[in-house]
Structures are given as C-alpha cells and as structure tokens.
Amino acid sequence: MIKIAPSILSADFSRLGEEIRAVEQAGADYIHVDVMDGHFVPNLTIGPLVVEAIGRVATQPLDVHLMISPVDVYIPAFVKAGATILTVHAEATLHLDRTLNQIRESGCKVGLALNPATPLCQLASVLHLLDMVVLMSVNPGFGGQSFIPHALNRIQTVRRMITDRGLNIELEVDGGIKPDNIHAAAQAGANVFVAGSAVFTQPDYAAVIQALRANASA
C-alpha cells in the first residue's frame, strides 16, 4: 500500500497546526517529524514538546525520525510525546539491538534509518525487530536536497531482504522525493514516501499528494 508522509521540516512553522490539518485533509497517510540535534546532523529542529503539540493536532500517525546522538536517553520522552513510529539511525547508537528493543518495549512501532553510504549488512541481524526501514536518499540535515540515484539499488536490495524473510515491514524512502521520481522508487520496492519541499512549496497540497500517489502506483 502506497503511503505519503509529508515532512513538516518544510512547513510554515508559524502556522504549523494549520499546515498539519491541511496536509491531512489533502490525503497524507503519516505526518513525518524530523528531529535534528545539530550534532548528529548539521541542523537543529524540534524536541519532544513540539512533537507533543503536533500530536494534539494531528489525526494521522506520527512518523518521528530521530536524527540525534546519543539517542537512547531521549526515547522515553518522544514515546511520551506521542510518536506512533519512532525511527533511530543505525549510525547513532553503539548497541543497536538494545536501542531497538527499548523502542519496542515502550509500545512504539520501531523504525531504523540508514544513511546513503551505510552498508546494508547492518540490517541483517536486526531486521526481525523492525516495523519500518527508512533508507535515506539524501544525506540528512536539510530539506530540499536532490534524490541520490544509487538509493534505487539500495531500495531493491532491502525489499528483497524483507521479502526473502517473509516479514511485514514498511520500506520508507526519505529525501528528494517528487512526483517525477517517485515511480522509480516505488518500482524499486519502497511503499512509504517522505515528501517535504515537494508538498509544502506547492499551493495545492491535495494535487501534489494525489500526483505522488498516482505516480507511485502507476
């Protein structure tokens, strides 16, 4: 099932509640929340208090992407704030199995993100612990970047890993997704698509989300 997850990183933060309601009315399946710490990635965004405020507005699941290190100490706060899916980076923790189990035991769905140059073999021993794999198709830190083409091969490989093990795991691609490249990512095996600037820079959110979904399904 194709799912579109608008990233609020590109939203107008002075009107954040309105923006969230608008993309939900336009057909968003998830609200993607990018949490950046200025250390793991070169940008600062939001913390648990803002996630909690988003949760009071949003009716769709919160897809919370933690681009922070250290990460384990902050997991309880983001769980309490209302994350539905909590994604951490493989590169951000020394004890990945423990971190993922901490999320699972908290009651959240478990996501694992990998940067564009991170070997996919890191998934091998933890895939069974996951509800979602997030493949970065840009180097994280800023919105509006261009899709890295070699991400398509990585999407294919991870989809094959999931299928071969008979697992029910969503495969999300994050970075540079637009109506003109989403089809290739979907054909490669992704089913969840983060779109920030592609949505929030357009005057008609419903039209662009419809175009993303139609092109992914084509």
C-alpha atoms as a PDB file:
ATOM      1  CA  MET A   1       0.000   0.000   0.000  1.00  0.00           C
ATOM      2  CA  ILE A   2       1.424   3.366  -1.055  1.00  0.00           C
ATOM      3  CA  LYS A   3       1.682   5.893   1.783  1.00  0.00           C
ATOM      4  CA  ILE A   4       2.651   9.546   1.603  1.00  0.00           C
ATOM      5  CA  ALA A   5       4.340  11.125   4.634  1.00  0.00           C
ATOM      6  CA  PRO A   6       4.683  14.906   4.327  1.00  0.00           C
ATOM      7  CA  SER A   7       7.660  16.167   6.310  1.00  0.00           C
ATOM      8  CA  ILE A   8       6.877  19.182   8.441  1.00  0.00           C
ATOM      9  CA  LEU A   9      10.525  20.268   8.104  1.00  0.00           C
ATOM     10  CA  SER A  10       9.353  22.197   5.035  1.00  0.00           C
ATOM     11  CA  ALA A  11       6.132  23.508   6.577  1.00  0.00           C
ATOM     12  CA  ASP A  12       5.480  27.056   7.737  1.00  0.00           C
ATOM     13  CA  PHE A  13       6.224  26.740  11.466  1.00  0.00           C
ATOM     14  CA  SER A  14       4.342  29.946  12.232  1.00  0.00           C
ATOM     15  CA  ARG A  15       1.204  28.087  11.084  1.00  0.00           C
ATOM     16  CA  LEU A  16       2.174  24.538  11.998  1.00  0.00           C
ATOM     17  CA  GLY A  17      -1.222  23.393  13.252  1.00  0.00           C
ATOM     18  CA  GLU A  18      -2.915  24.710  10.117  1.00  0.00           C
ATOM     19  CA  GLU A  19      -0.269  23.097   7.918  1.00  0.00           C
ATOM     20  CA  ILE A  20      -0.769  19.697   9.559  1.00  0.00           C
ATOM     21  CA  ARG A  21      -4.544  19.900   9.191  1.00  0.00           C
ATOM     22  CA  ALA A  22      -4.113  20.942   5.550  1.00  0.00           C
ATOM     23  CA  VAL A  23      -1.896  18.015   4.539  1.00  0.00           C
ATOM     24  CA  GLU A  24      -4.125  15.574   6.391  1.00  0.00           C
ATOM     25  CA  GLN A  25      -7.155  16.902   4.522  1.00  0.00           C
ATOM     26  CA  ALA A  26      -5.085  16.645   1.345  1.00  0.00           C
ATOM     27  CA  GLY A  27      -4.553  12.901   1.871  1.00  0.00           C
ATOM     28  CA  ALA A  28      -1.420  12.435   3.992  1.00  0.00           C
ATOM     29  CA  ASP A  29      -1.062   8.952   5.481  1.00  0.00           C
ATOM     30  CA  TYR A  30       1.591   9.869   8.050  1.00  0.00           C
ATOM     31  CA  ILE A  31       2.920  13.114   9.485  1.00  0.00           C
ATOM     32  CA  HIS A  32       6.702  12.869   9.247  1.00  0.00           C
ATOM     33  CA  VAL A  33       8.528  14.712  12.025  1.00  0.00           C
ATOM     34  CA  ASP A  34      12.271  15.331  11.607  1.00  0.00           C
ATOM     35  CA  VAL A  35      14.111  15.747  14.901  1.00  0.00           C
ATOM     36  CA  MET A  36      17.664  17.083  14.470  1.00  0.00           C
ATOM     37  CA  ASP A  37      20.200  17.927  17.151  1.00  0.00           C
ATOM     38  CA  GLY A  38      22.939  19.975  15.465  1.00  0.00           C
ATOM     39  CA  HIS A  39      25.388  17.188  16.357  1.00  0.00           C
ATOM     40  CA  PHE A  40      24.433  14.015  14.523  1.00  0.00           C
ATOM     41  CA  VAL A  41      23.271  16.200  11.631  1.00  0.00           C
ATOM     42  CA  PRO A  42      24.183  19.838  10.932  1.00  0.00           C
ATOM     43  CA  ASN A  43      20.820  21.343  11.775  1.00  0.00           C
ATOM     44  CA  LEU A  44      18.579  21.984  14.779  1.00  0.00           C
ATOM     45  CA  THR A  45      14.840  21.450  14.643  1.00  0.00           C
ATOM     46  CA  ILE A  46      12.449  20.415  17.408  1.00  0.00           C
ATOM     47  CA  GLY A  47      12.135  18.406  20.604  1.00  0.00           C
ATOM     48  CA  PRO A  48       9.523  16.389  22.491  1.00  0.00           C
ATOM     49  CA  LEU A  49       7.412  19.404  23.492  1.00  0.00           C
ATOM     50  CA  VAL A  50       6.751  20.295  19.859  1.00  0.00           C
ATOM     51  CA  VAL A  51       6.043  16.645  18.988  1.00  0.00           C
ATOM     52  CA  GLU A  52       3.508  16.573  21.808  1.00  0.00           C
ATOM     53  CA  ALA A  53       1.882  19.737  20.430  1.00  0.00           C
ATOM     54  CA  ILE A  54       1.769  18.199  16.941  1.00  0.00           C
ATOM     55  CA  GLY A  55       0.069  15.150  18.416  1.00  0.00           C
ATOM     56  CA  ARG A  56      -2.731  17.313  19.780  1.00  0.00           C
ATOM     57  CA  VAL A  57      -3.483  18.489  16.240  1.00  0.00           C
ATOM     58  CA  ALA A  58      -2.694  15.509  14.029  1.00  0.00           C
ATOM     59  CA  THR A  59      -5.138  12.676  13.463  1.00  0.00           C
ATOM     60  CA  GLN A  60      -2.787  10.597  11.328  1.00  0.00           C
ATOM     61  CA  PRO A  61       0.095   8.566  12.825  1.00  0.00           C
ATOM     62  CA  LEU A  62       3.246  10.478  13.781  1.00  0.00           C
ATOM     63  CA  ASP A  63       6.291   9.133  11.953  1.00  0.00           C
ATOM     64  CA  VAL A  64       9.030  10.552  14.193  1.00  0.00           C
ATOM     65  CA  HIS A  65      12.547  10.406  12.748  1.00  0.00           C
ATOM     66  CA  LEU A  66      15.273  10.924  15.357  1.00  0.00           C
ATOM     67  CA  MET A  67      18.466  12.286  13.802  1.00  0.00           C
ATOM     68  CA  ILE A  68      20.156  12.654  17.173  1.00  0.00           C
ATOM     69  CA  SER A  69      23.060  11.134  19.074  1.00  0.00           C
ATOM     70  CA  PRO A  70      23.071   9.895  21.763  1.00  0.00           C
ATOM     71  CA  VAL A  71      19.573   8.595  21.162  1.00  0.00           C
ATOM     72  CA  ASP A  72      18.683   6.047  23.853  1.00  0.00           C
ATOM     73  CA  VAL A  73      18.260   8.595  26.647  1.00  0.00           C
ATOM     74  CA  TYR A  74      15.658  10.533  24.626  1.00  0.00           C
ATOM     75  CA  ILE A  75      13.490   7.602  23.528  1.00  0.00           C
ATOM     76  CA  PRO A  76      11.131   7.751  26.555  1.00  0.00           C
ATOM     77  CA  ALA A  77      10.462  11.460  26.008  1.00  0.00           C
ATOM     78  CA  PHE A  78       9.482  11.008  22.357  1.00  0.00           C
ATOM     79  CA  VAL A  79       7.352   7.970  23.179  1.00  0.00           C
ATOM     80  CA  LYS A  80       5.544  10.004  25.847  1.00  0.00           C
ATOM     81  CA  ALA A  81       5.165  12.871  23.353  1.00  0.00           C
ATOM     82  CA  GLY A  82       3.053  10.645  21.127  1.00  0.00           C
ATOM     83  CA  ALA A  83       5.225   9.084  18.435  1.00  0.00           C
ATOM     84  CA  THR A  84       3.476   6.253  16.595  1.00  0.00           C
ATOM     85  CA  ILE A  85       6.597   5.093  14.778  1.00  0.00           C
ATOM     86  CA  LEU A  86       9.961   6.008  16.295  1.00  0.00           C
ATOM     87  CA  THR A  87      12.901   5.776  13.913  1.00  0.00           C
ATOM     88  CA  VAL A  88      16.530   5.893  15.001  1.00  0.00           C
ATOM     89  CA  HIS A  89      19.674   5.826  12.901  1.00  0.00           C
ATOM     90  CA  ALA A  90      21.929   2.789  12.792  1.00  0.00           C
ATOM     91  CA  GLU A  91      24.871   5.208  12.874  1.00  0.00           C
ATOM     92  CA  ALA A  92      23.695   6.904  16.088  1.00  0.00           C
ATOM     93  CA  THR A  93      23.963   4.069  18.611  1.00  0.00           C
ATOM     94  CA  LEU A  94      26.661   1.620  19.625  1.00  0.00           C
ATOM     95  CA  HIS A  95      24.186  -1.030  20.807  1.00  0.00           C
ATOM     96  CA  LEU A  96      21.590  -1.171  18.067  1.00  0.00           C
ATOM     97  CA  ASP A  97      19.799  -4.296  19.242  1.00  0.00           C
ATOM     98  CA  ARG A  98      19.300  -2.790  22.700  1.00  0.00           C
ATOM     99  CA  THR A  99      18.082   0.531  21.287  1.00  0.00           C
ATOM    100  CA  LEU A 100      15.512  -1.121  19.016  1.00  0.00           C
ATOM    101  CA  ASN A 101      14.242  -3.338  21.812  1.00  0.00           C
ATOM    102  CA  GLN A 102      13.914  -0.281  24.041  1.00  0.00           C
ATOM    103  CA  ILE A 103      11.564   1.274  21.477  1.00  0.00           C
ATOM    104  CA  ARG A 104       9.564  -1.948  21.106  1.00  0.00           C
ATOM    105  CA  GLU A 105       9.185  -2.363  24.853  1.00  0.00           C
ATOM    106  CA  SER A 106       7.915   1.218  25.092  1.00  0.00           C
ATOM    107  CA  GLY A 107       4.928   0.351  22.911  1.00  0.00           C
ATOM    108  CA  CYS A 108       6.022   2.287  19.813  1.00  0.00           C
ATOM    109  CA  LYS A 109       6.494   0.849  16.361  1.00  0.00           C
ATOM    110  CA  VAL A 110      10.183   0.513  15.544  1.00  0.00           C
ATOM    111  CA  GLY A 111      11.943   2.180  12.619  1.00  0.00           C
ATOM    112  CA  LEU A 112      15.590   2.043  11.586  1.00  0.00           C
ATOM    113  CA  ALA A 113      17.162   4.572   9.226  1.00  0.00           C
ATOM    114  CA  LEU A 114      20.369   4.184   7.241  1.00  0.00           C
ATOM    115  CA  ASN A 115      22.324   6.992   5.610  1.00  0.00           C
ATOM    116  CA  PRO A 116      23.200   6.711   1.895  1.00  0.00           C
ATOM    117  CA  ALA A 117      26.698   5.308   2.480  1.00  0.00           C
ATOM    118  CA  THR A 118      25.876   2.973   5.382  1.00  0.00           C
ATOM    119  CA  PRO A 119      26.304  -0.704   4.422  1.00  0.00           C
ATOM    120  CA  LEU A 120      23.008  -2.567   4.208  1.00  0.00           C
ATOM    121  CA  CYS A 121      24.543  -5.533   6.035  1.00  0.00           C
ATOM    122  CA  GLN A 122      23.769  -3.593   9.228  1.00  0.00           C
ATOM    123  CA  LEU A 123      20.157  -4.683   8.753  1.00  0.00           C
ATOM    124  CA  ALA A 124      20.863  -8.393   8.687  1.00  0.00           C
ATOM    125  CA  SER A 125      20.800  -9.094  12.428  1.00  0.00           C
ATOM    126  CA  VAL A 126      18.011  -6.675  13.390  1.00  0.00           C
ATOM    127  CA  LEU A 127      15.512  -6.814  10.524  1.00  0.00           C
ATOM    128  CA  HIS A 128      13.168  -9.033  12.548  1.00  0.00           C
ATOM    129  CA  LEU A 129      12.894  -6.293  15.185  1.00  0.00           C
ATOM    130  CA  LEU A 130      11.580  -3.657  12.790  1.00  0.00           C
ATOM    131  CA  ASP A 131       8.254  -2.310  11.587  1.00  0.00           C
ATOM    132  CA  MET A 132       9.888   0.104   9.150  1.00  0.00           C
ATOM    133  CA  VAL A 133      13.195   0.532   7.340  1.00  0.00           C
ATOM    134  CA  VAL A 134      13.990   4.101   6.296  1.00  0.00           C
ATOM    135  CA  LEU A 135      16.506   4.485   3.503  1.00  0.00           C
ATOM    136  CA  MET A 136      17.898   7.981   3.230  1.00  0.00           C
ATOM    137  CA  SER A 137      18.110   9.174  -0.362  1.00  0.00           C
ATOM    138  CA  VAL A 138      19.903  12.362   0.706  1.00  0.00           C
ATOM    139  CA  ASN A 139      22.486  12.992   3.388  1.00  0.00           C
ATOM    140  CA  PRO A 140      20.303  14.071   6.303  1.00  0.00           C
ATOM    141  CA  GLY A 141      20.241  17.522   7.806  1.00  0.00           C
ATOM    142  CA  PHE A 142      18.410  19.791   5.402  1.00  0.00           C
ATOM    143  CA  GLY A 143      15.257  19.756   3.304  1.00  0.00           C
ATOM    144  CA  GLY A 144      15.150  20.487  -0.409  1.00  0.00           C
ATOM    145  CA  GLN A 145      18.070  18.253  -1.437  1.00  0.00           C
ATOM    146  CA  SER A 146      18.185  16.206  -4.642  1.00  0.00           C
ATOM    147  CA  PHE A 147      17.496  12.463  -4.664  1.00  0.00           C
ATOM    148  CA  ILE A 148      20.701  10.364  -4.763  1.00  0.00           C
ATOM    149  CA  PRO A 149      20.231   7.922  -7.691  1.00  0.00           C
ATOM    150  CA  HIS A 150      22.090   4.972  -6.154  1.00  0.00           C
ATOM    151  CA  ALA A 151      19.390   4.838  -3.484  1.00  0.00           C
ATOM    152  CA  LEU A 152      17.277   2.900  -6.010  1.00  0.00           C
ATOM    153  CA  ASN A 153      19.650  -0.079  -5.873  1.00  0.00           C
ATOM    154  CA  ARG A 154      19.573   0.036  -2.088  1.00  0.00           C
ATOM    155  CA  ILE A 155      15.765   0.059  -2.074  1.00  0.00           C
ATOM    156  CA  GLN A 156      15.736  -3.022  -4.315  1.00  0.00           C
ATOM    157  CA  THR A 157      18.191  -4.854  -2.066  1.00  0.00           C
ATOM    158  CA  VAL A 158      16.280  -4.115   1.137  1.00  0.00           C
ATOM    159  CA  ARG A 159      12.939  -5.036  -0.405  1.00  0.00           C
ATOM    160  CA  ARG A 160      14.466  -8.363  -1.426  1.00  0.00           C
ATOM    161  CA  MET A 161      15.762  -8.908   2.118  1.00  0.00           C
ATOM    162  CA  ILE A 162      12.298  -8.234   3.556  1.00  0.00           C
ATOM    163  CA  THR A 163      10.538 -10.465   1.018  1.00  0.00           C
ATOM    164  CA  ASP A 164      13.025 -13.324   1.362  1.00  0.00           C
ATOM    165  CA  ARG A 165      12.436 -13.405   5.119  1.00  0.00           C
ATOM    166  CA  GLY A 166       8.668 -13.178   4.777  1.00  0.00           C
ATOM    167  CA  LEU A 167       8.496 -10.114   7.004  1.00  0.00           C
ATOM    168  CA  ASN A 168       5.787  -7.450   7.098  1.00  0.00           C
ATOM    169  CA  ILE A 169       7.966  -4.327   7.165  1.00  0.00           C
ATOM    170  CA  GLU A 170       7.286  -0.981   5.549  1.00  0.00           C
ATOM    171  CA  LEU A 171      10.085   0.434   3.405  1.00  0.00           C
ATOM    172  CA  GLU A 172      10.276   4.200   3.523  1.00  0.00           C
ATOM    173  CA  VAL A 173      12.447   6.411   1.320  1.00  0.00           C
ATOM    174  CA  ASP A 174      13.349   9.836   2.656  1.00  0.00           C
ATOM    175  CA  GLY A 175      14.935  12.635   0.667  1.00  0.00           C
ATOM    176  CA  GLY A 176      14.338  14.388  -2.629  1.00  0.00           C
ATOM    177  CA  ILE A 177      11.088  12.587  -3.448  1.00  0.00           C
ATOM    178  CA  LYS A 178       8.997  14.391  -6.069  1.00  0.00           C
ATOM    179  CA  PRO A 179       6.220  13.432  -8.497  1.00  0.00           C
ATOM    180  CA  ASP A 180       8.768  12.893 -11.283  1.00  0.00           C
ATOM    181  CA  ASN A 181      10.939  10.363  -9.406  1.00  0.00           C
ATOM    182  CA  ILE A 182       8.556   8.607  -7.030  1.00  0.00           C
ATOM    183  CA  HIS A 183       7.621   5.975  -9.625  1.00  0.00           C
ATOM    184  CA  ALA A 184      11.207   4.684  -9.822  1.00  0.00           C
ATOM    185  CA  ALA A 185      11.439   4.454  -6.028  1.00  0.00           C
ATOM    186  CA  ALA A 186       8.123   2.595  -5.856  1.00  0.00           C
ATOM    187  CA  GLN A 187       9.170   0.215  -8.627  1.00  0.00           C
ATOM    188  CA  ALA A 188      12.345  -0.498  -6.663  1.00  0.00           C
ATOM    189  CA  GLY A 189      10.229  -1.576  -3.687  1.00  0.00           C
ATOM    190  CA  ALA A 190       9.512   1.387  -1.430  1.00  0.00           C
ATOM    191  CA  ASN A 191       5.951   1.855  -0.209  1.00  0.00           C
ATOM    192  CA  VAL A 192       6.228   4.897   2.120  1.00  0.00           C
ATOM    193  CA  PHE A 193       7.472   8.209   0.740  1.00  0.00           C
ATOM    194  CA  VAL A 194       8.606  11.221   2.728  1.00  0.00           C
ATOM    195  CA  ALA A 195       7.970  14.437   0.815  1.00  0.00           C
ATOM    196  CA  GLY A 196       8.744  17.808   2.336  1.00  0.00           C
ATOM    197  CA  SER A 197       9.503  20.603  -0.102  1.00  0.00           C
ATOM    198  CA  ALA A 198       7.674  18.716  -2.861  1.00  0.00           C
ATOM    199  CA  VAL A 199       4.456  19.234  -0.897  1.00  0.00           C
ATOM    200  CA  PHE A 200       4.839  22.358   1.178  1.00  0.00           C
ATOM    201  CA  THR A 201       6.230  24.580  -1.591  1.00  0.00           C
ATOM    202  CA  GLN A 202       3.144  23.951  -3.722  1.00  0.00           C
ATOM    203  CA  PRO A 203      -0.079  25.958  -3.493  1.00  0.00           C
ATOM    204  CA  ASP A 204      -2.332  22.883  -3.746  1.00  0.00           C
ATOM    205  CA  TYR A 205      -1.317  20.171  -1.269  1.00  0.00           C
ATOM    206  CA  ALA A 206      -4.077  17.819  -2.396  1.00  0.00           C
ATOM    207  CA  ALA A 207      -2.981  17.999  -6.034  1.00  0.00           C
ATOM    208  CA  VAL A 208       0.644  17.189  -5.295  1.00  0.00           C
ATOM    209  CA  ILE A 209      -0.172  14.363  -2.853  1.00  0.00           C
ATOM    210  CA  GLN A 210      -2.566  12.928  -5.427  1.00  0.00           C
ATOM    211  CA  ALA A 211       0.168  13.174  -8.083  1.00  0.00           C
ATOM    212  CA  LEU A 212       2.692  11.482  -5.797  1.00  0.00           C
ATOM    213  CA  ARG A 213       0.308   8.628  -5.030  1.00  0.00           C
ATOM    214  CA  ALA A 214      -0.783   8.196  -8.653  1.00  0.00           C
ATOM    215  CA  ASN A 215       2.774   8.182  -9.984  1.00  0.00           C
ATOM    216  CA  ALA A 216       3.926   5.743  -7.318  1.00  0.00           C
ATOM    217  CA  SER A 217       1.062   3.408  -8.167  1.00  0.00           C
ATOM    218  CA  ALA A 218       1.441   3.670 -11.947  1.00  0.00           C
END
